[in-house]
C-alpha atoms as a PDB file:
ATOM      1  CA  MET A   1       0.016  -0.005  -0.148  1.00  0.00           C
ATOM      2  CA  TYR A   2       2.790   2.407   0.855  1.00  0.00           C
ATOM      3  CA  SER A   3       5.277   2.202  -1.975  1.00  0.00           C
ATOM      4  CA  HIS A   4       7.188   5.534  -1.397  1.00  0.00           C
ATOM      5  CA  PRO A   5      10.838   4.689  -1.006  1.00  0.00           C
ATOM      6  CA  VAL A   6      10.915   6.842   2.295  1.00  0.00           C
ATOM      7  CA  LEU A   7       8.385   4.452   3.878  1.00  0.00           C
ATOM      8  CA  THR A   8      10.216   1.175   3.200  1.00  0.00           C
ATOM      9  CA  GLY A   9      12.890   1.688   5.960  1.00  0.00           C
ATOM     10  CA  PRO A  10      13.197   3.765   9.074  1.00  0.00           C
ATOM     11  CA  PHE A  11      11.909   7.309   8.528  1.00  0.00           C
ATOM     12  CA  ARG A  12      10.966  10.492  10.587  1.00  0.00           C
ATOM     13  CA  GLY A  13       7.268  10.477  11.255  1.00  0.00           C
ATOM     14  CA  ALA A  14       7.208  14.468  11.242  1.00  0.00           C
ATOM     15  CA  GLU A  15       8.717  14.442   7.694  1.00  0.00           C
ATOM     16  CA  ALA A  16       6.378  11.867   6.228  1.00  0.00           C
ATOM     17  CA  LEU A  17       3.389  13.850   7.620  1.00  0.00           C
ATOM     18  CA  ALA A  18       4.689  17.185   6.237  1.00  0.00           C
ATOM     19  CA  ALA A  19       5.353  15.633   2.795  1.00  0.00           C
ATOM     20  CA  GLY A  20       1.760  14.403   2.821  1.00  0.00           C
ATOM     21  CA  LEU A  21       2.828  10.672   2.511  1.00  0.00           C
ATOM     22  CA  LEU A  22       0.809   9.712   5.507  1.00  0.00           C
ATOM     23  CA  THR A  23      -1.912  10.915   7.626  1.00  0.00           C
ATOM     24  CA  HIS A  24      -1.687  11.024  11.533  1.00  0.00           C
ATOM     25  CA  ASN A  25      -3.968   8.045  11.781  1.00  0.00           C
ATOM     26  CA  GLU A  26      -1.958   6.004   9.293  1.00  0.00           C
ATOM     27  CA  LEU A  27       1.410   6.762  11.052  1.00  0.00           C
ATOM     28  CA  TYR A  28       0.050   5.589  14.327  1.00  0.00           C
ATOM     29  CA  GLY A  29      -1.828   2.648  13.067  1.00  0.00           C
ATOM     30  CA  PRO A  30      -0.961  -1.008  12.773  1.00  0.00           C
ATOM     31  CA  ARG A  31       1.001  -0.622   9.437  1.00  0.00           C
ATOM     32  CA  PHE A  32       3.875   1.076  11.252  1.00  0.00           C
ATOM     33  CA  GLN A  33       6.100   0.552  14.234  1.00  0.00           C
ATOM     34  CA  ARG A  34       7.785   3.041  16.465  1.00  0.00           C
ATOM     35  CA  LEU A  35      11.521   2.539  16.740  1.00  0.00           C
ATOM     36  CA  PHE A  36      12.666   5.672  18.609  1.00  0.00           C
ATOM     37  CA  SER A  37      10.905   8.999  19.491  1.00  0.00           C
ATOM     38  CA  GLY A  38       9.562  10.273  16.311  1.00  0.00           C
ATOM     39  CA  VAL A  39      11.254   7.489  14.120  1.00  0.00           C
ATOM     40  CA  PHE A  40       9.117   4.859  12.483  1.00  0.00           C
ATOM     41  CA  ALA A  41       9.453   1.783  10.281  1.00  0.00           C
ATOM     42  CA  PRO A  42       6.958  -0.619   8.461  1.00  0.00           C
ATOM     43  CA  ALA A  43       5.433  -2.943  10.876  1.00  0.00           C
ATOM     44  CA  GLU A  44       6.585  -5.907   8.911  1.00  0.00           C
ATOM     45  CA  LEU A  45      10.213  -4.889   8.744  1.00  0.00           C
ATOM     46  CA  PRO A  46      12.458  -6.989  10.868  1.00  0.00           C
ATOM     47  CA  VAL A  47      14.337  -4.783  13.342  1.00  0.00           C
ATOM     48  CA  ASP A  48      17.991  -5.980  13.377  1.00  0.00           C
ATOM     49  CA  PHE A  49      21.062  -3.983  14.275  1.00  0.00           C
ATOM     50  CA  ALA A  50      21.499  -2.324  10.878  1.00  0.00           C
ATOM     51  CA  VAL A  51      17.832  -0.998  10.969  1.00  0.00           C
ATOM     52  CA  ARG A  52      18.330   0.165  14.528  1.00  0.00           C
ATOM     53  CA  THR A  53      21.421   1.963  13.536  1.00  0.00           C
ATOM     54  CA  ARG A  54      19.635   3.816  10.665  1.00  0.00           C
ATOM     55  CA  ALA A  55      16.828   4.719  12.939  1.00  0.00           C
ATOM     56  CA  ALA A  56      19.303   6.108  15.652  1.00  0.00           C
ATOM     57  CA  TYR A  57      20.902   8.257  13.029  1.00  0.00           C
ATOM     58  CA  LEU A  58      17.550   9.681  11.942  1.00  0.00           C
ATOM     59  CA  LEU A  59      16.997  10.400  15.605  1.00  0.00           C
ATOM     60  CA  VAL A  60      20.141  12.429  16.226  1.00  0.00           C
ATOM     61  CA  SER A  61      21.560  13.669  12.918  1.00  0.00           C
ATOM     62  CA  HIS A  62      19.586  16.852  12.794  1.00  0.00           C
ATOM     63  CA  ARG A  63      20.886  17.702  16.328  1.00  0.00           C
ATOM     64  CA  GLY A  64      24.677  17.306  15.354  1.00  0.00           C
ATOM     65  CA  GLY A  65      24.755  13.703  16.640  1.00  0.00           C
ATOM     66  CA  VAL A  66      26.855  11.063  14.871  1.00  0.00           C
ATOM     67  CA  LEU A  67      26.834   7.264  14.839  1.00  0.00           C
ATOM     68  CA  ALA A  68      29.619   5.870  17.141  1.00  0.00           C
ATOM     69  CA  GLY A  69      30.640   2.493  18.728  1.00  0.00           C
ATOM     70  CA  TYR A  70      29.278  -0.681  16.987  1.00  0.00           C
ATOM     71  CA  SER A  71      27.086   1.308  14.760  1.00  0.00           C
ATOM     72  CA  ALA A  72      29.918   3.338  13.332  1.00  0.00           C
ATOM     73  CA  ALA A  73      31.878   0.118  12.852  1.00  0.00           C
ATOM     74  CA  LEU A  74      29.019  -1.500  10.998  1.00  0.00           C
ATOM     75  CA  LEU A  75      28.696   1.237   8.368  1.00  0.00           C
ATOM     76  CA  LEU A  76      32.432   1.490   8.215  1.00  0.00           C
ATOM     77  CA  GLY A  77      32.476  -2.111   7.046  1.00  0.00           C
ATOM     78  CA  ALA A  78      33.698  -3.634  10.200  1.00  0.00           C
ATOM     79  CA  ASP A  79      30.700  -5.844  11.317  1.00  0.00           C
ATOM     80  CA  CYS A  80      32.131  -6.923  14.666  1.00  0.00           C
ATOM     81  CA  GLY A  81      29.489  -6.172  17.155  1.00  0.00           C
ATOM     82  CA  PRO A  82      26.470  -8.092  18.539  1.00  0.00           C
ATOM     83  CA  ALA A  83      23.773  -8.804  16.230  1.00  0.00           C
ATOM     84  CA  HIS A  84      21.079  -7.681  18.591  1.00  0.00           C
ATOM     85  CA  GLY A  85      22.949  -4.965  20.577  1.00  0.00           C
ATOM     86  CA  PRO A  86      21.722  -1.329  20.800  1.00  0.00           C
ATOM     87  CA  ALA A  87      22.502   1.472  18.384  1.00  0.00           C
ATOM     88  CA  GLU A  88      25.200   3.832  19.513  1.00  0.00           C
ATOM     89  CA  VAL A  89      25.351   7.490  18.973  1.00  0.00           C
ATOM     90  CA  ILE A  90      27.352  10.539  20.231  1.00  0.00           C
ATOM     91  CA  VAL A  91      25.477  13.809  20.700  1.00  0.00           C
ATOM     92  CA  PRO A  92      26.838  17.217  21.721  1.00  0.00           C
ATOM     93  CA  ALA A  93      23.953  18.020  24.017  1.00  0.00           C
ATOM     94  CA  ASP A  94      21.926  16.141  26.756  1.00  0.00           C
ATOM     95  CA  ALA A  95      19.991  13.211  25.650  1.00  0.00           C
ATOM     96  CA  ARG A  96      19.070   9.996  27.185  1.00  0.00           C
ATOM     97  CA  SER A  97      19.796   6.359  26.369  1.00  0.00           C
ATOM     98  CA  GLN A  98      16.618   4.332  25.805  1.00  0.00           C
ATOM     99  CA  PRO A  99      15.798   0.758  24.964  1.00  0.00           C
ATOM    100  CA  GLY A 100      17.750  -0.253  21.805  1.00  0.00           C
ATOM    101  CA  LEU A 101      19.881   3.010  21.993  1.00  0.00           C
ATOM    102  CA  LEU A 102      23.174   4.075  23.744  1.00  0.00           C
ATOM    103  CA  VAL A 103      23.759   7.636  24.001  1.00  0.00           C
ATOM    104  CA  TYR A 104      27.081   9.207  24.891  1.00  0.00           C
ATOM    105  CA  ARG A 105      27.549  13.036  25.275  1.00  0.00           C
ATOM    106  CA  ASP A 106      30.659  14.399  23.634  1.00  0.00           C
ATOM    107  CA  GLN A 107      31.953  16.958  21.032  1.00  0.00           C
ATOM    108  CA  VAL A 108      33.560  14.942  18.137  1.00  0.00           C
ATOM    109  CA  PRO A 109      36.061  17.003  16.103  1.00  0.00           C
ATOM    110  CA  ALA A 110      35.440  17.295  12.401  1.00  0.00           C
ATOM    111  CA  SER A 111      38.707  15.411  11.771  1.00  0.00           C
ATOM    112  CA  GLU A 112      37.121  12.387  13.598  1.00  0.00           C
ATOM    113  CA  VAL A 113      33.945  12.278  11.516  1.00  0.00           C
ATOM    114  CA  VAL A 114      33.509  10.672   8.082  1.00  0.00           C
ATOM    115  CA  VAL A 115      30.659   9.858   5.968  1.00  0.00           C
ATOM    116  CA  ALA A 116      29.692   6.166   5.562  1.00  0.00           C
ATOM    117  CA  ASP A 117      26.661   5.023   3.408  1.00  0.00           C
ATOM    118  CA  GLY A 118      25.248   8.484   3.791  1.00  0.00           C
ATOM    119  CA  CYS A 119      25.562   8.783   7.526  1.00  0.00           C
ATOM    120  CA  ARG A 120      28.070  10.804   9.636  1.00  0.00           C
ATOM    121  CA  VAL A 121      29.962   8.220  11.791  1.00  0.00           C
ATOM    122  CA  THR A 122      33.161   8.434  13.895  1.00  0.00           C
ATOM    123  CA  SER A 123      36.227   7.414  12.000  1.00  0.00           C
ATOM    124  CA  ALA A 124      37.785   4.002  12.148  1.00  0.00           C
ATOM    125  CA  GLU A 125      40.651   5.218  14.567  1.00  0.00           C
ATOM    126  CA  ARG A 126      38.172   7.031  16.908  1.00  0.00           C
ATOM    127  CA  THR A 127      35.724   4.168  16.821  1.00  0.00           C
ATOM    128  CA  ALA A 128      38.499   1.768  17.817  1.00  0.00           C
ATOM    129  CA  TRP A 129      39.576   4.183  20.695  1.00  0.00           C
ATOM    130  CA  ASP A 130      35.925   4.314  22.005  1.00  0.00           C
ATOM    131  CA  LEU A 131      35.321   0.525  21.855  1.00  0.00           C
ATOM    132  CA  ALA A 132      38.662  -0.687  23.078  1.00  0.00           C
ATOM    133  CA  ARG A 133      38.384   1.457  26.198  1.00  0.00           C
ATOM    134  CA  ARG A 134      35.076  -0.079  27.339  1.00  0.00           C
ATOM    135  CA  LEU A 135      34.760  -3.587  25.956  1.00  0.00           C
ATOM    136  CA  PRO A 136      36.136  -6.748  27.652  1.00  0.00           C
ATOM    137  CA  LEU A 137      39.537  -7.723  26.613  1.00  0.00           C
ATOM    138  CA  VAL A 138      38.708 -10.107  23.847  1.00  0.00           C
ATOM    139  CA  GLU A 139      36.164  -7.922  22.163  1.00  0.00           C
ATOM    140  CA  ALA A 140      38.346  -4.911  22.502  1.00  0.00           C
ATOM    141  CA  VAL A 141      41.129  -6.706  20.398  1.00  0.00           C
ATOM    142  CA  VAL A 142      38.436  -8.018  17.949  1.00  0.00           C
ATOM    143  CA  THR A 143      37.155  -4.447  17.332  1.00  0.00           C
ATOM    144  CA  THR A 144      40.749  -3.060  17.198  1.00  0.00           C
ATOM    145  CA  ASP A 145      41.785  -5.634  14.614  1.00  0.00           C
ATOM    146  CA  ALA A 146      38.852  -5.000  12.432  1.00  0.00           C
ATOM    147  CA  LEU A 147      38.972  -1.382  12.458  1.00  0.00           C
ATOM    148  CA  ALA A 148      42.801  -0.987  12.214  1.00  0.00           C
ATOM    149  CA  ARG A 149      42.660  -3.213   9.088  1.00  0.00           C
ATOM    150  CA  LEU A 150      39.726  -1.181   7.629  1.00  0.00           C
ATOM    151  CA  GLY A 151      41.219   2.073   8.576  1.00  0.00           C
ATOM    152  CA  SER A 152      44.777   1.497   7.782  1.00  0.00           C
ATOM    153  CA  PHE A 153      46.006   2.758  11.151  1.00  0.00           C
ATOM    154  CA  PRO A 154      48.619   0.876  13.511  1.00  0.00           C
ATOM    155  CA  PRO A 155      46.984  -0.223  16.843  1.00  0.00           C
ATOM    156  CA  ALA A 156      49.720   1.726  18.551  1.00  0.00           C
ATOM    157  CA  ALA A 157      47.779   4.849  17.528  1.00  0.00           C
ATOM    158  CA  LEU A 158      45.500   4.099  20.494  1.00  0.00           C
ATOM    159  CA  LEU A 159      48.597   4.401  22.787  1.00  0.00           C
ATOM    160  CA  ALA A 160      49.326   7.830  21.038  1.00  0.00           C
ATOM    161  CA  ARG A 161      45.769   8.922  21.927  1.00  0.00           C
ATOM    162  CA  ARG A 162      46.274   7.926  25.454  1.00  0.00           C
ATOM    163  CA  ARG A 163      49.526   9.917  25.763  1.00  0.00           C
ATOM    164  CA  ALA A 164      47.296  12.797  24.524  1.00  0.00           C
ATOM    165  CA  ALA A 165      44.438  12.243  26.839  1.00  0.00           C
ATOM    166  CA  PRO A 166      45.883  10.400  29.923  1.00  0.00           C
ATOM    167  CA  GLY A 167      42.894  10.803  32.035  1.00  0.00           C
ATOM    168  CA  ALA A 168      40.413   9.110  29.557  1.00  0.00           C
ATOM    169  CA  ARG A 169      38.349   6.512  31.112  1.00  0.00           C
ATOM    170  CA  GLY A 170      39.377   2.894  30.344  1.00  0.00           C
ATOM    171  CA  CYS A 171      42.970   3.437  29.159  1.00  0.00           C
ATOM    172  CA  ARG A 172      44.679   1.141  31.542  1.00  0.00           C
ATOM    173  CA  ARG A 173      44.192  -1.944  29.336  1.00  0.00           C
ATOM    174  CA  LEU A 174      45.202  -0.447  26.262  1.00  0.00           C
ATOM    175  CA  ASP A 175      48.777  -1.841  26.371  1.00  0.00           C
ATOM    176  CA  GLU A 176      47.377  -5.308  26.626  1.00  0.00           C
ATOM    177  CA  VAL A 177      44.861  -4.594  23.735  1.00  0.00           C
ATOM    178  CA  VAL A 178      47.466  -3.189  21.501  1.00  0.00           C
ATOM    179  CA  ALA A 179      50.007  -5.978  22.384  1.00  0.00           C
ATOM    180  CA  LEU A 180      47.471  -8.661  21.171  1.00  0.00           C
ATOM    181  CA  ALA A 181      46.124  -6.836  18.285  1.00  0.00           C
ATOM    182  CA  ASP A 182      46.978  -7.695  14.541  1.00  0.00           C
ATOM    183  CA  PRO A 183      45.183  -5.957  11.799  1.00  0.00           C
ATOM    184  CA  ARG A 184      46.053  -8.732   9.422  1.00  0.00           C
ATOM    185  CA  ALA A 185      43.154 -10.869  10.803  1.00  0.00           C
ATOM    186  CA  GLU A 186      40.415 -11.060   8.306  1.00  0.00           C
ATOM    187  CA  SER A 187      37.406 -11.645  10.511  1.00  0.00           C
ATOM    188  CA  PRO A 188      36.302 -11.350  14.202  1.00  0.00           C
ATOM    189  CA  PRO A 189      36.246 -15.195  14.685  1.00  0.00           C
ATOM    190  CA  GLU A 190      39.841 -15.505  13.410  1.00  0.00           C
ATOM    191  CA  THR A 191      40.725 -12.887  15.994  1.00  0.00           C
ATOM    192  CA  ARG A 192      38.918 -14.814  18.759  1.00  0.00           C
ATOM    193  CA  LEU A 193      40.608 -17.949  17.724  1.00  0.00           C
ATOM    194  CA  ARG A 194      44.092 -16.542  17.862  1.00  0.00           C
ATOM    195  CA  LEU A 195      43.368 -15.102  21.282  1.00  0.00           C
ATOM    196  CA  ALA A 196      42.132 -18.305  22.643  1.00  0.00           C
ATOM    197  CA  LEU A 197      45.342 -20.006  21.669  1.00  0.00           C
ATOM    198  CA  VAL A 198      47.566 -17.304  22.928  1.00  0.00           C
ATOM    199  CA  ARG A 199      45.630 -16.738  26.264  1.00  0.00           C
ATOM    200  CA  GLY A 200      45.734 -20.441  26.639  1.00  0.00           C
ATOM    201  CA  GLY A 201      49.434 -20.468  26.764  1.00  0.00           C
ATOM    202  CA  LEU A 202      50.340 -21.444  23.230  1.00  0.00           C
ATOM    203  CA  PRO A 203      52.955 -19.283  21.244  1.00  0.00           C
ATOM    204  CA  ARG A 204      51.556 -16.593  19.023  1.00  0.00           C
ATOM    205  CA  PRO A 205      50.727 -18.070  15.621  1.00  0.00           C
ATOM    206  CA  GLU A 206      51.522 -16.267  12.366  1.00  0.00           C
ATOM    207  CA  VAL A 207      48.512 -14.473  10.940  1.00  0.00           C
ATOM    208  CA  GLN A 208      47.503 -14.852   7.190  1.00  0.00           C
ATOM    209  CA  PHE A 209      50.635 -16.862   6.637  1.00  0.00           C
ATOM    210  CA  ARG A 210      51.704 -17.489   3.134  1.00  0.00           C
ATOM    211  CA  VAL A 211      52.808 -21.215   2.560  1.00  0.00           C
ATOM    212  CA  LEU A 212      55.370 -21.523  -0.277  1.00  0.00           C
ATOM    213  CA  ASP A 213      56.492 -24.428  -2.317  1.00  0.00           C
ATOM    214  CA  VAL A 214      60.243 -25.252  -3.002  1.00  0.00           C
ATOM    215  CA  HIS A 215      60.432 -22.808  -5.702  1.00  0.00           C
ATOM    216  CA  GLY A 216      58.984 -19.939  -3.741  1.00  0.00           C
ATOM    217  CA  PHE A 217      55.530 -19.926  -5.248  1.00  0.00           C
ATOM    218  CA  VAL A 218      52.458 -19.379  -2.987  1.00  0.00           C
ATOM    219  CA  LEU A 219      50.604 -22.692  -2.250  1.00  0.00           C
ATOM    220  CA  ALA A 220      47.975 -21.166  -0.003  1.00  0.00           C
ATOM    221  CA  ARG A 221      47.454 -18.400   2.599  1.00  0.00           C
ATOM    222  CA  VAL A 222      46.054 -19.625   5.793  1.00  0.00           C
ATOM    223  CA  ASP A 223      44.373 -17.905   8.654  1.00  0.00           C
ATOM    224  CA  LEU A 224      46.883 -18.939  11.255  1.00  0.00           C
ATOM    225  CA  ALA A 225      50.019 -20.975  11.014  1.00  0.00           C
ATOM    226  CA  TYR A 226      52.982 -22.337  13.100  1.00  0.00           C
ATOM    227  CA  PRO A 227      55.518 -22.634  10.340  1.00  0.00           C
ATOM    228  CA  ASP A 228      58.061 -24.678  12.420  1.00  0.00           C
ATOM    229  CA  ALA A 229      55.488 -27.402  12.966  1.00  0.00           C
ATOM    230  CA  ARG A 230      54.016 -26.946   9.462  1.00  0.00           C
ATOM    231  CA  LEU A 231      50.620 -26.734  10.992  1.00  0.00           C
ATOM    232  CA  ALA A 232      47.844 -24.426   9.342  1.00  0.00           C
ATOM    233  CA  ILE A 233      44.885 -23.521  11.293  1.00  0.00           C
ATOM    234  CA  GLU A 234      41.734 -22.468   9.483  1.00  0.00           C
ATOM    235  CA  TYR A 235      38.431 -20.969  10.720  1.00  0.00           C
ATOM    236  CA  ASP A 236      35.641 -22.297   8.609  1.00  0.00           C
ATOM    237  CA  GLY A 237      32.587 -19.939   8.914  1.00  0.00           C
ATOM    238  CA  ALA A 238      29.256 -20.221   7.169  1.00  0.00           C
ATOM    239  CA  VAL A 239      30.796 -19.486   3.770  1.00  0.00           C
ATOM    240  CA  HIS A 240      32.694 -22.682   3.896  1.00  0.00           C
ATOM    241  CA  LEU A 241      29.486 -24.894   4.230  1.00  0.00           C
ATOM    242  CA  GLY A 242      28.543 -24.822   0.728  1.00  0.00           C
ATOM    243  CA  ARG A 243      29.643 -27.999  -1.239  1.00  0.00           C
ATOM    244  CA  ARG A 244      31.702 -26.239  -3.978  1.00  0.00           C
ATOM    245  CA  ARG A 245      33.642 -24.525  -1.158  1.00  0.00           C
ATOM    246  CA  TRP A 246      33.982 -27.527   0.820  1.00  0.00           C
ATOM    247  CA  ILE A 247      35.525 -29.442  -2.237  1.00  0.00           C
ATOM    248  CA  ARG A 248      37.904 -26.512  -2.834  1.00  0.00           C
ATOM    249  CA  ASP A 249      39.038 -26.482   0.734  1.00  0.00           C
ATOM    250  CA  ARG A 250      39.763 -30.196   0.692  1.00  0.00           C
ATOM    251  CA  GLU A 251      41.740 -29.855  -2.395  1.00  0.00           C
ATOM    252  CA  ARG A 252      43.918 -27.152  -0.801  1.00  0.00           C
ATOM    253  CA  ASP A 253      44.415 -29.233   2.351  1.00  0.00           C
ATOM    254  CA  ALA A 254      45.547 -32.015   0.152  1.00  0.00           C
ATOM    255  CA  THR A 255      48.156 -29.679  -1.726  1.00  0.00           C
ATOM    256  CA  LEU A 256      49.465 -28.504   1.666  1.00  0.00           C
ATOM    257  CA  ALA A 257      49.620 -32.140   2.783  1.00  0.00           C
ATOM    258  CA  VAL A 258      52.004 -32.977  -0.194  1.00  0.00           C
ATOM    259  CA  ALA A 259      54.159 -30.199   0.901  1.00  0.00           C
ATOM    260  CA  GLY A 260      54.354 -31.588   4.581  1.00  0.00           C
ATOM    261  CA  TRP A 261      51.631 -29.389   6.114  1.00  0.00           C
ATOM    262  CA  GLN A 262      48.848 -30.514   8.235  1.00  0.00           C
ATOM    263  CA  THR A 263      45.678 -28.359   8.199  1.00  0.00           C
ATOM    264  CA  LEU A 264      43.295 -28.194  11.269  1.00  0.00           C
ATOM    265  CA  ARG A 265      39.931 -26.639  10.490  1.00  0.00           C
ATOM    266  CA  LEU A 266      37.866 -25.270  13.381  1.00  0.00           C
ATOM    267  CA  GLY A 267      34.514 -23.803  13.527  1.00  0.00           C
ATOM    268  CA  HIS A 268      32.263 -21.705  15.798  1.00  0.00           C
ATOM    269  CA  ASP A 269      31.835 -24.357  18.365  1.00  0.00           C
ATOM    270  CA  ASP A 270      35.568 -24.540  18.930  1.00  0.00           C
ATOM    271  CA  LEU A 271      36.010 -20.921  19.779  1.00  0.00           C
ATOM    272  CA  GLY A 272      37.100 -20.316  23.495  1.00  0.00           C
ATOM    273  CA  MET A 273      37.009 -24.147  24.240  1.00  0.00           C
ATOM    274  CA  ARG A 274      39.971 -25.417  26.369  1.00  0.00           C
ATOM    275  CA  GLN A 275      39.881 -28.519  24.342  1.00  0.00           C
ATOM    276  CA  THR A 276      40.747 -26.586  21.248  1.00  0.00           C
ATOM    277  CA  VAL A 277      43.949 -25.227  22.896  1.00  0.00           C
ATOM    278  CA  HIS A 278      44.738 -28.600  23.986  1.00  0.00           C
ATOM    279  CA  ARG A 279      44.203 -30.077  20.565  1.00  0.00           C
ATOM    280  CA  VAL A 280      46.584 -27.511  18.985  1.00  0.00           C
ATOM    281  CA  ALA A 281      49.154 -28.074  21.713  1.00  0.00           C
ATOM    282  CA  GLU A 282      49.198 -31.846  20.984  1.00  0.00           C
ATOM    283  CA  LEU A 283      49.593 -31.319  17.324  1.00  0.00           C
ATOM    284  CA  LEU A 284      52.485 -28.980  17.787  1.00  0.00           C
ATOM    285  CA  ALA A 285      54.383 -31.250  20.233  1.00  0.00           C
ATOM    286  CA  ALA A 286      53.858 -34.222  17.728  1.00  0.00           C
ATOM    287  CA  ARG A 287      55.043 -32.284  14.715  1.00  0.00           C
ATOM    288  CA  ALA A 288      57.803 -30.226  16.271  1.00  0.00           C
ATOM    289  CA  PRO A 289      58.703 -31.842  19.651  1.00  0.00           C
ATOM    290  CA  ASP A 290      61.979 -29.890  20.116  1.00  0.00           C
ATOM    291  CA  ARG A 291      60.209 -26.509  19.766  1.00  0.00           C
ATOM    292  CA  TYR A 292      56.808 -27.196  21.382  1.00  0.00           C
ATOM    293  CA  GLY A 293      57.084 -30.350  23.419  1.00  0.00           C
ATOM    294  CA  ARG A 294      57.217 -28.540  26.701  1.00  0.00           C
ATOM    295  CA  VAL A 295      54.673 -25.845  26.073  1.00  0.00           C
ATOM    296  CA  GLU A 296      52.520 -25.599  29.132  1.00  0.00           C
ATOM    297  CA  ILE A 297      48.645 -24.947  28.743  1.00  0.00           C
ATOM    298  CA  ASP A 298      47.032 -22.396  31.021  1.00  0.00           C
ATOM    299  CA  THR A 299      43.824 -24.076  32.114  1.00  0.00           C
ATOM    300  CA  THR A 300      42.837 -21.309  34.444  1.00  0.00           C
ATOM    301  CA  ARG A 301      41.904 -18.815  31.829  1.00  0.00           C
ATOM    302  CA  PRO A 302      38.122 -18.001  31.462  1.00  0.00           C
ATOM    303  CA  ARG A 303      36.497 -18.963  28.118  1.00  0.00           C
ATOM    304  CA  SER A 304      36.075 -15.242  27.273  1.00  0.00           C
ATOM    305  CA  GLY A 305      36.742 -11.890  28.436  1.00  0.00           C
END
């Protein structure tokens, strides 16, 4: 019934009324749902994090607000936040958080604001600075990896920011976050897997390692690797479940095996599990006992955090 493009996603109710697209009764009737004060969407539209983020921008953009935190990360291309978390904004004046929306009050310099997908958002480095100071350690590293890769800034830039603002809240853990970060990681699960191994007591693996043949040609690029043990570790997400990709992955595993490499494939259920750390430790000890035979596993670490 309502085919106008403005009415297919989040929209400001006042603007739709002023443009004559709806009547007051239609706007507040069963065909539309209220997302935030004055912001509506079609009743049948599933409200996910992306929709909530768009609605939040409509709520604050005319008051000088910008998208921040996980909402900024999403539009910048680093989808590393919880699927059902609240949208996040920064506004220069008083405003209250509400269900589905986190509001922070601050003045964001123009140099730290960029336009992403039509919305004003905090830059990648500023977004990493905001998130890394308030998230649990693992998620702080996940967001730093993703945003540093996207924004082409070194994680150590967060330490430079700390020196410029020594009293900023949440700065104490930044040394550990930066030490664990690696922008070469290509997905949040890959970062979580790397951290599970390192925090479990294993040596730090190489990230996005290129396996070469005897002539120096690249056989494969693997998510994580222990070259001394010729052990490749791959995280298989949903994209690897298709039959064509499954066949291609096994063909590559066979190619690596001929070159003396073993490939360990792990999935979502393996992340954060102590058994995963033990499994990798056993493979390392078996394949390179002189180097890894005495590695001690830390069984006291929590599964996340």
